[in-house]
Amino acid sequence: MMLVLLIATAVAAALLVELGLMVAREISEASRDGFQDERQMNGAFKPTSVNA
């Protein structure tokens, strides 16, 4: 009985770790996209600030 409980706990822990890694990957990709958008906006606004 204890062996079954240990195996079930290990499987649950592995699934939670995988879920955490997926969430972390999504957050890092979302933040990377945000930085790219900010760089594009900065590039778009630089010529107007130079001309001003």
Protein backbone atom coordinates (compact mmCIF):
# COMPACT_ATOMS: atom_id res chain seq x y z
CA MET A 1 0.00 0.00 0.00
CA MET A 2 2.81 2.40 0.87
CA LEU A 3 4.53 1.63 -2.43
CA VAL A 4 1.40 2.53 -4.39
CA LEU A 5 1.09 5.79 -2.44
CA LEU A 6 4.75 6.59 -3.10
CA ILE A 7 4.38 5.92 -6.82
CA ALA A 8 1.19 8.00 -7.04
CA THR A 9 2.89 10.88 -5.21
CA ALA A 10 5.91 10.70 -7.52
CA VAL A 11 3.70 10.75 -10.62
CA ALA A 12 1.70 13.70 -9.28
CA ALA A 13 4.91 15.59 -8.45
CA ALA A 14 6.31 14.94 -11.94
CA LEU A 15 3.10 16.23 -13.54
CA LEU A 16 3.18 19.37 -11.39
CA VAL A 17 6.79 20.00 -12.35
CA GLU A 18 5.92 19.64 -16.04
CA LEU A 19 2.99 22.03 -15.62
CA GLY A 20 5.24 24.55 -13.87
CA LEU A 21 7.81 24.33 -16.65
CA MET A 22 5.12 24.88 -19.29
CA VAL A 23 3.83 27.95 -17.44
CA ALA A 24 7.35 29.33 -17.02
CA ARG A 25 8.06 28.81 -20.72
CA GLU A 26 4.85 30.63 -21.71
CA ILE A 27 5.67 33.54 -19.40
CA SER A 28 9.21 33.85 -20.75
CA GLU A 29 7.99 33.76 -24.35
CA ALA A 30 5.34 36.38 -23.58
CA SER A 31 7.90 38.69 -21.97
CA ARG A 32 10.30 38.17 -24.89
CA ASP A 33 7.52 39.18 -27.31
CA GLY A 34 6.87 42.28 -25.20
CA PHE A 35 10.50 43.35 -25.41
CA GLN A 36 10.50 42.89 -29.18
CA ASP A 37 7.37 45.03 -29.48
CA GLU A 38 8.97 47.70 -27.30
CA ARG A 39 12.09 47.71 -29.46
CA GLN A 40 9.99 48.05 -32.59
CA MET A 41 8.11 50.95 -31.03
CA ASN A 42 11.36 52.60 -29.98
CA GLY A 43 12.65 52.21 -33.54
CA ALA A 44 9.46 53.74 -34.89
CA PHE A 45 9.60 56.74 -32.58
CA LYS A 46 13.34 57.49 -32.91
CA PRO A 47 13.08 59.26 -36.29
CA THR A 48 10.31 61.53 -35.01
CA SER A 49 12.33 62.49 -31.93
CA VAL A 50 15.46 63.13 -34.04
CA ASN A 51 13.53 65.41 -36.41
CA ALA A 52 11.98 67.36 -33.56
